[in-house]
């Protein structure tokens, strides 16, 4: 896979996000909308869910746990800056 990934990265190098994703499509918000419900994290014995997202300006990782995990947090964690805009959490870009 490494040669394929390298070739793809080389092909898109220098292109802006708008040039790569011409229509600005991001199907993930539609998939995640309504998928998570905070009440599931309060169930006794439920495993702890920890999601990491990178702050857009500082580059520091932030860990979101259980009820802090929202669709926006998942979008931030899955964000590929070359393809989609940063997700906003609490007024900050991740």
PDB file of N, CA and C in Angstrom:
ATOM      1  N   UNK A   1       0.815  -1.200   0.000  1.00  0.00           N
ATOM      2  CA  UNK A   1       0.000   0.000   0.000  1.00  0.00           C
ATOM      3  C   UNK A   1       0.859   1.264   0.000  1.00  0.00           C
ATOM      4  N   UNK A   2       2.060   1.185   0.586  1.00  0.00           N
ATOM      5  CA  UNK A   2       2.898   2.376   0.702  1.00  0.00           C
ATOM      6  C   UNK A   2       3.170   3.034  -0.651  1.00  0.00           C
ATOM      7  N   UNK A   3       3.484   2.284  -1.712  1.00  0.00           N
ATOM      8  CA  UNK A   3       3.719   2.939  -3.003  1.00  0.00           C
ATOM      9  C   UNK A   3       2.466   3.643  -3.534  1.00  0.00           C
ATOM     10  N   UNK A   4       1.308   3.049  -3.309  1.00  0.00           N
ATOM     11  CA  UNK A   4       0.055   3.656  -3.786  1.00  0.00           C
ATOM     12  C   UNK A   4      -0.226   4.940  -3.029  1.00  0.00           C
ATOM     13  N   UNK A   5      -0.085   4.886  -1.703  1.00  0.00           N
ATOM     14  CA  UNK A   5      -0.311   6.077  -0.885  1.00  0.00           C
ATOM     15  C   UNK A   5       0.673   7.170  -1.267  1.00  0.00           C
ATOM     16  N   UNK A   6       1.932   6.803  -1.463  1.00  0.00           N
ATOM     17  CA  UNK A   6       2.940   7.773  -1.879  1.00  0.00           C
ATOM     18  C   UNK A   6       2.595   8.424  -3.206  1.00  0.00           C
ATOM     19  N   UNK A   7       2.113   7.632  -4.146  1.00  0.00           N
ATOM     20  CA  UNK A   7       1.734   8.162  -5.459  1.00  0.00           C
ATOM     21  C   UNK A   7       0.543   9.114  -5.345  1.00  0.00           C
ATOM     22  N   UNK A   8      -0.430   8.753  -4.529  1.00  0.00           N
ATOM     23  CA  UNK A   8      -1.592   9.629  -4.342  1.00  0.00           C
ATOM     24  C   UNK A   8      -1.188  10.942  -3.688  1.00  0.00           C
ATOM     25  N   UNK A   9      -0.346  10.867  -2.672  1.00  0.00           N
ATOM     26  CA  UNK A   9       0.115  12.084  -2.011  1.00  0.00           C
ATOM     27  C   UNK A   9       0.888  12.978  -2.974  1.00  0.00           C
ATOM     28  N   UNK A  10       1.692  12.382  -3.807  1.00  0.00           N
ATOM     29  CA  UNK A  10       2.458  13.149  -4.792  1.00  0.00           C
ATOM     30  C   UNK A  10       1.515  13.804  -5.805  1.00  0.00           C
ATOM     31  N   UNK A  11       0.466  13.095  -6.190  1.00  0.00           N
ATOM     32  CA  UNK A  11      -0.464  13.610  -7.196  1.00  0.00           C
ATOM     33  C   UNK A  11      -1.238  14.822  -6.693  1.00  0.00           C
ATOM     34  N   UNK A  12      -1.555  14.861  -5.395  1.00  0.00           N
ATOM     35  CA  UNK A  12      -2.374  15.960  -4.872  1.00  0.00           C
ATOM     36  C   UNK A  12      -1.539  17.053  -4.221  1.00  0.00           C
ATOM     37  N   UNK A  13      -0.248  16.845  -4.128  1.00  0.00           N
ATOM     38  CA  UNK A  13       0.626  17.856  -3.516  1.00  0.00           C
ATOM     39  C   UNK A  13       0.498  19.163  -4.280  1.00  0.00           C
ATOM     40  N   UNK A  14       0.292  20.234  -3.549  1.00  0.00           N
ATOM     41  CA  UNK A  14       0.179  21.538  -4.181  1.00  0.00           C
ATOM     42  C   UNK A  14      -1.247  21.924  -4.540  1.00  0.00           C
ATOM     43  N   UNK A  15      -2.174  20.982  -4.443  1.00  0.00           N
ATOM     44  CA  UNK A  15      -3.567  21.303  -4.731  1.00  0.00           C
ATOM     45  C   UNK A  15      -4.262  21.729  -3.437  1.00  0.00           C
ATOM     46  N   UNK A  16      -5.177  22.663  -3.548  1.00  0.00           N
ATOM     47  CA  UNK A  16      -5.938  23.084  -2.374  1.00  0.00           C
ATOM     48  C   UNK A  16      -7.070  22.093  -2.114  1.00  0.00           C
ATOM     49  N   UNK A  17      -7.644  22.179  -0.915  1.00  0.00           N
ATOM     50  CA  UNK A  17      -8.769  21.321  -0.550  1.00  0.00           C
ATOM     51  C   UNK A  17      -9.923  21.518  -1.531  1.00  0.00           C
ATOM     52  N   UNK A  18     -10.139  22.766  -1.956  1.00  0.00           N
ATOM     53  CA  UNK A  18     -11.233  23.048  -2.892  1.00  0.00           C
ATOM     54  C   UNK A  18     -10.977  22.446  -4.273  1.00  0.00           C
ATOM     55  N   UNK A  19      -9.720  22.292  -4.646  1.00  0.00           N
ATOM     56  CA  UNK A  19      -9.397  21.675  -5.929  1.00  0.00           C
ATOM     57  C   UNK A  19      -9.542  20.160  -5.874  1.00  0.00           C
ATOM     58  N   UNK A  20      -9.274  19.582  -4.714  1.00  0.00           N
ATOM     59  CA  UNK A  20      -9.378  18.131  -4.562  1.00  0.00           C
ATOM     60  C   UNK A  20     -10.836  17.708  -4.410  1.00  0.00           C
ATOM     61  N   UNK A  21     -11.583  18.434  -3.586  1.00  0.00           N
ATOM     62  CA  UNK A  21     -12.986  18.125  -3.312  1.00  0.00           C
ATOM     63  C   UNK A  21     -13.828  19.233  -3.938  1.00  0.00           C
ATOM     64  N   UNK A  22     -14.015  19.158  -5.248  1.00  0.00           N
ATOM     65  CA  UNK A  22     -14.648  20.241  -6.008  1.00  0.00           C
ATOM     66  C   UNK A  22     -16.036  20.621  -5.504  1.00  0.00           C
ATOM     67  N   UNK A  23     -16.804  19.657  -5.063  1.00  0.00           N
ATOM     68  CA  UNK A  23     -18.169  19.931  -4.622  1.00  0.00           C
ATOM     69  C   UNK A  23     -18.272  20.176  -3.122  1.00  0.00           C
ATOM     70  N   UNK A  24     -17.170  20.050  -2.406  1.00  0.00           N
ATOM     71  CA  UNK A  24     -17.185  20.275  -0.963  1.00  0.00           C
ATOM     72  C   UNK A  24     -18.018  19.245  -0.211  1.00  0.00           C
ATOM     73  N   UNK A  25     -18.087  18.044  -0.748  1.00  0.00           N
ATOM     74  CA  UNK A  25     -18.917  17.009  -0.141  1.00  0.00           C
ATOM     75  C   UNK A  25     -18.237  16.372   1.058  1.00  0.00           C
ATOM     76  N   UNK A  26     -19.006  16.173   2.107  1.00  0.00           N
ATOM     77  CA  UNK A  26     -18.536  15.449   3.280  1.00  0.00           C
ATOM     78  C   UNK A  26     -19.718  14.625   3.786  1.00  0.00           C
ATOM     79  N   UNK A  27     -19.755  13.343   3.490  1.00  0.00           N
ATOM     80  CA  UNK A  27     -20.907  12.521   3.870  1.00  0.00           C
ATOM     81  C   UNK A  27     -20.944  12.162   5.357  1.00  0.00           C
ATOM     82  N   UNK A  28     -19.843  12.353   6.080  1.00  0.00           N
ATOM     83  CA  UNK A  28     -19.807  11.923   7.475  1.00  0.00           C
ATOM     84  C   UNK A  28     -20.819  12.608   8.390  1.00  0.00           C
ATOM     85  N   UNK A  29     -21.047  13.930   8.289  1.00  0.00           N
ATOM     86  CA  UNK A  29     -22.040  14.525   9.198  1.00  0.00           C
ATOM     87  C   UNK A  29     -23.412  13.867   9.076  1.00  0.00           C
ATOM     88  N   UNK A  30     -23.815  13.538   7.877  1.00  0.00           N
ATOM     89  CA  UNK A  30     -25.109  12.884   7.681  1.00  0.00           C
ATOM     90  C   UNK A  30     -25.158  11.495   8.283  1.00  0.00           C
ATOM     91  N   UNK A  31     -24.035  10.793   8.227  1.00  0.00           N
ATOM     92  CA  UNK A  31     -23.960   9.449   8.790  1.00  0.00           C
ATOM     93  C   UNK A  31     -23.984   9.508  10.315  1.00  0.00           C
ATOM     94  N   UNK A  32     -23.255  10.461  10.881  1.00  0.00           N
ATOM     95  CA  UNK A  32     -23.113  10.542  12.336  1.00  0.00           C
ATOM     96  C   UNK A  32     -24.292  11.215  13.028  1.00  0.00           C
ATOM     97  N   UNK A  33     -25.053  12.021  12.289  1.00  0.00           N
ATOM     98  CA  UNK A  33     -26.156  12.760  12.887  1.00  0.00           C
ATOM     99  C   UNK A  33     -27.154  11.811  13.551  1.00  0.00           C
ATOM    100  N   UNK A  34     -27.317  11.963  14.833  1.00  0.00           N
ATOM    101  CA  UNK A  34     -28.261  11.139  15.573  1.00  0.00           C
ATOM    102  C   UNK A  34     -27.753   9.760  15.927  1.00  0.00           C
ATOM    103  N   UNK A  35     -26.527   9.439  15.561  1.00  0.00           N
ATOM    104  CA  UNK A  35     -25.989   8.113  15.835  1.00  0.00           C
ATOM    105  C   UNK A  35     -25.566   7.942  17.291  1.00  0.00           C
ATOM    106  N   UNK A  36     -25.016   9.004  17.861  1.00  0.00           N
ATOM    107  CA  UNK A  36     -24.562   8.946  19.253  1.00  0.00           C
ATOM    108  C   UNK A  36     -25.617   9.526  20.186  1.00  0.00           C
ATOM    109  N   UNK A  37     -25.829   8.860  21.297  1.00  0.00           N
ATOM    110  CA  UNK A  37     -26.721   9.392  22.320  1.00  0.00           C
ATOM    111  C   UNK A  37     -25.966   9.349  23.639  1.00  0.00           C
ATOM    112  N   UNK A  38     -25.816  10.522  24.310  1.00  0.00           N
ATOM    113  CA  UNK A  38     -25.011  10.592  25.531  1.00  0.00           C
ATOM    114  C   UNK A  38     -25.443   9.625  26.631  1.00  0.00           C
ATOM    115  N   UNK A  39     -26.683   9.201  26.632  1.00  0.00           N
ATOM    116  CA  UNK A  39     -27.160   8.321  27.702  1.00  0.00           C
ATOM    117  C   UNK A  39     -26.461   6.962  27.696  1.00  0.00           C
ATOM    118  N   UNK A  40     -25.942   6.527  26.546  1.00  0.00           N
ATOM    119  CA  UNK A  40     -25.291   5.220  26.499  1.00  0.00           C
ATOM    120  C   UNK A  40     -24.000   5.202  27.306  1.00  0.00           C
ATOM    121  N   UNK A  41     -23.412   6.379  27.535  1.00  0.00           N
ATOM    122  CA  UNK A  41     -22.170   6.430  28.297  1.00  0.00           C
ATOM    123  C   UNK A  41     -22.402   6.372  29.800  1.00  0.00           C
ATOM    124  N   UNK A  42     -23.648   6.482  30.220  1.00  0.00           N
ATOM    125  CA  UNK A  42     -23.965   6.435  31.647  1.00  0.00           C
ATOM    126  C   UNK A  42     -24.364   5.032  32.101  1.00  0.00           C
ATOM    127  N   UNK A  43     -24.403   4.094  31.190  1.00  0.00           N
ATOM    128  CA  UNK A  43     -24.780   2.730  31.527  1.00  0.00           C
ATOM    129  C   UNK A  43     -23.654   2.095  32.330  1.00  0.00           C
ATOM    130  N   UNK A  44     -24.008   1.545  33.466  1.00  0.00           N
ATOM    131  CA  UNK A  44     -23.003   0.922  34.325  1.00  0.00           C
ATOM    132  C   UNK A  44     -22.331  -0.238  33.595  1.00  0.00           C
ATOM    133  N   UNK A  45     -21.025  -0.255  33.672  1.00  0.00           N
ATOM    134  CA  UNK A  45     -20.255  -1.312  33.032  1.00  0.00           C
ATOM    135  C   UNK A  45     -19.909  -1.035  31.580  1.00  0.00           C
ATOM    136  N   UNK A  46     -20.408   0.061  31.036  1.00  0.00           N
ATOM    137  CA  UNK A  46     -20.083   0.393  29.644  1.00  0.00           C
ATOM    138  C   UNK A  46     -18.605   0.755  29.547  1.00  0.00           C
ATOM    139  N   UNK A  47     -17.938   0.339  28.505  1.00  0.00           N
ATOM    140  CA  UNK A  47     -16.523   0.699  28.358  1.00  0.00           C
ATOM    141  C   UNK A  47     -16.368   2.207  28.143  1.00  0.00           C
ATOM    142  N   UNK A  48     -15.238   2.724  28.563  1.00  0.00           N
ATOM    143  CA  UNK A  48     -14.946   4.143  28.376  1.00  0.00           C
ATOM    144  C   UNK A  48     -14.561   4.383  26.921  1.00  0.00           C
ATOM    145  N   UNK A  49     -15.138   5.412  26.345  1.00  0.00           N
ATOM    146  CA  UNK A  49     -14.817   5.799  24.976  1.00  0.00           C
ATOM    147  C   UNK A  49     -13.925   7.028  25.032  1.00  0.00           C
ATOM    148  N   UNK A  50     -12.759   6.959  24.401  1.00  0.00           N
ATOM    149  CA  UNK A  50     -11.826   8.081  24.356  1.00  0.00           C
ATOM    150  C   UNK A  50     -11.492   8.357  22.896  1.00  0.00           C
ATOM    151  N   UNK A  51     -11.708   9.606  22.488  1.00  0.00           N
ATOM    152  CA  UNK A  51     -11.434  10.031  21.111  1.00  0.00           C
ATOM    153  C   UNK A  51     -10.436  11.179  21.165  1.00  0.00           C
ATOM    154  N   UNK A  52      -9.448  11.147  20.299  1.00  0.00           N
ATOM    155  CA  UNK A  52      -8.444  12.199  20.236  1.00  0.00           C
ATOM    156  C   UNK A  52      -8.674  13.052  18.993  1.00  0.00           C
ATOM    157  N   UNK A  53      -8.513  14.367  19.148  1.00  0.00           N
ATOM    158  CA  UNK A  53      -8.575  15.295  18.028  1.00  0.00           C
ATOM    159  C   UNK A  53      -7.454  16.312  18.197  1.00  0.00           C
ATOM    160  N   UNK A  54      -6.943  16.806  17.109  1.00  0.00           N
ATOM    161  CA  UNK A  54      -5.842  17.758  17.133  1.00  0.00           C
ATOM    162  C   UNK A  54      -6.360  19.177  16.974  1.00  0.00           C
ATOM    163  N   UNK A  55      -5.937  20.052  17.888  1.00  0.00           N
ATOM    164  CA  UNK A  55      -6.334  21.456  17.825  1.00  0.00           C
ATOM    165  C   UNK A  55      -5.751  22.072  16.563  1.00  0.00           C
ATOM    166  N   UNK A  56      -6.571  22.804  15.834  1.00  0.00           N
ATOM    167  CA  UNK A  56      -6.166  23.335  14.536  1.00  0.00           C
ATOM    168  C   UNK A  56      -5.048  24.357  14.581  1.00  0.00           C
ATOM    169  N   UNK A  57      -4.942  25.131  15.647  1.00  0.00           N
ATOM    170  CA  UNK A  57      -3.926  26.186  15.694  1.00  0.00           C
ATOM    171  C   UNK A  57      -2.690  25.780  16.483  1.00  0.00           C
ATOM    172  N   UNK A  58      -2.877  25.027  17.572  1.00  0.00           N
ATOM    173  CA  UNK A  58      -1.725  24.685  18.412  1.00  0.00           C
ATOM    174  C   UNK A  58      -1.082  23.359  18.021  1.00  0.00           C
ATOM    175  N   UNK A  59      -1.840  22.495  17.361  1.00  0.00           N
ATOM    176  CA  UNK A  59      -1.328  21.173  17.006  1.00  0.00           C
ATOM    177  C   UNK A  59      -1.322  20.196  18.161  1.00  0.00           C
ATOM    178  N   UNK A  60      -1.873  20.605  19.299  1.00  0.00           N
ATOM    179  CA  UNK A  60      -1.907  19.739  20.470  1.00  0.00           C
ATOM    180  C   UNK A  60      -3.113  18.808  20.410  1.00  0.00           C
ATOM    181  N   UNK A  61      -2.908  17.598  20.897  1.00  0.00           N
ATOM    182  CA  UNK A  61      -3.992  16.621  20.946  1.00  0.00           C
ATOM    183  C   UNK A  61      -4.871  16.902  22.159  1.00  0.00           C
ATOM    184  N   UNK A  62      -6.150  16.690  21.993  1.00  0.00           N
ATOM    185  CA  UNK A  62      -7.092  16.783  23.107  1.00  0.00           C
ATOM    186  C   UNK A  62      -7.866  15.478  23.144  1.00  0.00           C
ATOM    187  N   UNK A  63      -8.042  14.951  24.344  1.00  0.00           N
ATOM    188  CA  UNK A  63      -8.804  13.720  24.522  1.00  0.00           C
ATOM    189  C   UNK A  63     -10.214  14.054  24.973  1.00  0.00           C
ATOM    190  N   UNK A  64     -11.176  13.471  24.293  1.00  0.00           N
ATOM    191  CA  UNK A  64     -12.595  13.626  24.639  1.00  0.00           C
ATOM    192  C   UNK A  64     -13.063  12.282  25.171  1.00  0.00           C
ATOM    193  N   UNK A  65     -13.737  12.299  26.322  1.00  0.00           N
ATOM    194  CA  UNK A  65     -14.158  11.056  26.970  1.00  0.00           C
ATOM    195  C   UNK A  65     -15.672  10.988  27.104  1.00  0.00           C
ATOM    196  N   UNK A  66     -16.190   9.813  26.877  1.00  0.00           N
ATOM    197  CA  UNK A  66     -17.588   9.459  27.103  1.00  0.00           C
ATOM    198  C   UNK A  66     -18.563  10.534  26.633  1.00  0.00           C
ATOM    199  N   UNK A  67     -19.256  11.215  27.544  1.00  0.00           N
ATOM    200  CA  UNK A  67     -20.311  12.156  27.168  1.00  0.00           C
ATOM    201  C   UNK A  67     -19.783  13.360  26.391  1.00  0.00           C
ATOM    202  N   UNK A  68     -18.473  13.616  26.439  1.00  0.00           N
ATOM    203  CA  UNK A  68     -17.882  14.701  25.642  1.00  0.00           C
ATOM    204  C   UNK A  68     -17.863  14.339  24.155  1.00  0.00           C
ATOM    205  N   UNK A  69     -17.968  13.060  23.851  1.00  0.00           N
ATOM    206  CA  UNK A  69     -17.884  12.601  22.462  1.00  0.00           C
ATOM    207  C   UNK A  69     -19.210  12.909  21.761  1.00  0.00           C
ATOM    208  N   UNK A  70     -19.108  13.767  20.768  1.00  0.00           N
ATOM    209  CA  UNK A  70     -20.261  14.151  19.953  1.00  0.00           C
ATOM    210  C   UNK A  70     -19.925  13.855  18.492  1.00  0.00           C
ATOM    211  N   UNK A  71     -20.887  14.093  17.638  1.00  0.00           N
ATOM    212  CA  UNK A  71     -20.637  13.918  16.203  1.00  0.00           C
ATOM    213  C   UNK A  71     -19.508  14.844  15.751  1.00  0.00           C
ATOM    214  N   UNK A  72     -19.468  16.074  16.297  1.00  0.00           N
ATOM    215  CA  UNK A  72     -18.416  17.019  15.924  1.00  0.00           C
ATOM    216  C   UNK A  72     -17.036  16.498  16.332  1.00  0.00           C
ATOM    217  N   UNK A  73     -16.948  15.876  17.514  1.00  0.00           N
ATOM    218  CA  UNK A  73     -15.679  15.322  17.977  1.00  0.00           C
ATOM    219  C   UNK A  73     -15.230  14.201  17.038  1.00  0.00           C
ATOM    220  N   UNK A  74     -16.159  13.347  16.647  1.00  0.00           N
ATOM    221  CA  UNK A  74     -15.807  12.275  15.717  1.00  0.00           C
ATOM    222  C   UNK A  74     -15.383  12.833  14.365  1.00  0.00           C
ATOM    223  N   UNK A  75     -16.054  13.883  13.912  1.00  0.00           N
ATOM    224  CA  UNK A  75     -15.669  14.514  12.650  1.00  0.00           C
ATOM    225  C   UNK A  75     -14.267  15.116  12.755  1.00  0.00           C
ATOM    226  N   UNK A  76     -13.973  15.743  13.895  1.00  0.00           N
ATOM    227  CA  UNK A  76     -12.649  16.333  14.095  1.00  0.00           C
ATOM    228  C   UNK A  76     -11.582  15.250  14.099  1.00  0.00           C
ATOM    229  N   UNK A  77     -11.871  14.140  14.731  1.00  0.00           N
ATOM    230  CA  UNK A  77     -10.918  13.045  14.815  1.00  0.00           C
ATOM    231  C   UNK A  77     -10.659  12.418  13.445  1.00  0.00           C
ATOM    232  N   UNK A  78     -11.683  12.390  12.614  1.00  0.00           N
ATOM    233  CA  UNK A  78     -11.575  11.762  11.298  1.00  0.00           C
ATOM    234  C   UNK A  78     -11.204  12.748  10.195  1.00  0.00           C
ATOM    235  N   UNK A  79     -11.054  14.017  10.550  1.00  0.00           N
ATOM    236  CA  UNK A  79     -10.819  15.058   9.545  1.00  0.00           C
ATOM    237  C   UNK A  79      -9.481  14.879   8.844  1.00  0.00           C
ATOM    238  N   UNK A  80      -9.523  14.908   7.545  1.00  0.00           N
ATOM    239  CA  UNK A  80      -8.318  14.944   6.732  1.00  0.00           C
ATOM    240  C   UNK A  80      -8.229  16.364   6.179  1.00  0.00           C
ATOM    241  N   UNK A  81      -7.303  17.181   6.688  1.00  0.00           N
ATOM    242  CA  UNK A  81      -7.262  18.597   6.316  1.00  0.00           C
ATOM    243  C   UNK A  81      -7.179  18.846   4.814  1.00  0.00           C
ATOM    244  N   UNK A  82      -6.615  17.893   4.076  1.00  0.00           N
ATOM    245  CA  UNK A  82      -6.510  18.083   2.636  1.00  0.00           C
ATOM    246  C   UNK A  82      -7.864  17.931   1.942  1.00  0.00           C
ATOM    247  N   UNK A  83      -8.825  17.281   2.618  1.00  0.00           N
ATOM    248  CA  UNK A  83     -10.101  16.992   1.967  1.00  0.00           C
ATOM    249  C   UNK A  83     -11.294  17.721   2.552  1.00  0.00           C
ATOM    250  N   UNK A  84     -11.252  18.036   3.838  1.00  0.00           N
ATOM    251  CA  UNK A  84     -12.420  18.651   4.457  1.00  0.00           C
ATOM    252  C   UNK A  84     -11.991  19.741   5.432  1.00  0.00           C
ATOM    253  N   UNK A  85     -12.872  20.695   5.670  1.00  0.00           N
ATOM    254  CA  UNK A  85     -12.539  21.772   6.602  1.00  0.00           C
ATOM    255  C   UNK A  85     -12.503  21.237   8.026  1.00  0.00           C
ATOM    256  N   UNK A  86     -11.832  21.971   8.891  1.00  0.00           N
ATOM    257  CA  UNK A  86     -11.742  21.578  10.298  1.00  0.00           C
ATOM    258  C   UNK A  86     -13.126  21.560  10.926  1.00  0.00           C
ATOM    259  N   UNK A  87     -13.297  20.687  11.903  1.00  0.00           N
ATOM    260  CA  UNK A  87     -14.542  20.641  12.665  1.00  0.00           C
ATOM    261  C   UNK A  87     -14.436  21.655  13.790  1.00  0.00           C
ATOM    262  N   UNK A  88     -15.544  22.293  14.109  1.00  0.00           N
ATOM    263  CA  UNK A  88     -15.545  23.288  15.175  1.00  0.00           C
ATOM    264  C   UNK A  88     -16.141  22.682  16.433  1.00  0.00           C
ATOM    265  N   UNK A  89     -15.378  22.778  17.527  1.00  0.00           N
ATOM    266  CA  UNK A  89     -15.819  22.282  18.828  1.00  0.00           C
ATOM    267  C   UNK A  89     -15.601  23.404  19.823  1.00  0.00           C
ATOM    268  N   UNK A  90     -16.676  23.877  20.430  1.00  0.00           N
ATOM    269  CA  UNK A  90     -16.568  24.953  21.402  1.00  0.00           C
ATOM    270  C   UNK A  90     -15.929  26.218  20.841  1.00  0.00           C
ATOM    271  N   UNK A  91     -16.189  26.501  19.580  1.00  0.00           N
ATOM    272  CA  UNK A  91     -15.648  27.699  18.953  1.00  0.00           C
ATOM    273  C   UNK A  91     -14.197  27.559  18.505  1.00  0.00           C
ATOM    274  N   UNK A  92     -13.617  26.388  18.651  1.00  0.00           N
ATOM    275  CA  UNK A  92     -12.224  26.150  18.261  1.00  0.00           C
ATOM    276  C   UNK A  92     -12.170  25.154  17.105  1.00  0.00           C
ATOM    277  N   UNK A  93     -11.196  25.314  16.252  1.00  0.00           N
ATOM    278  CA  UNK A  93     -11.023  24.418  15.098  1.00  0.00           C
ATOM    279  C   UNK A  93     -10.196  23.196  15.515  1.00  0.00           C
ATOM    280  N   UNK A  94     -10.693  22.022  15.181  1.00  0.00           N
ATOM    281  CA  UNK A  94      -9.977  20.761  15.432  1.00  0.00           C
ATOM    282  C   UNK A  94      -9.908  19.974  14.149  1.00  0.00           C
TER     283      UNK A  94
END
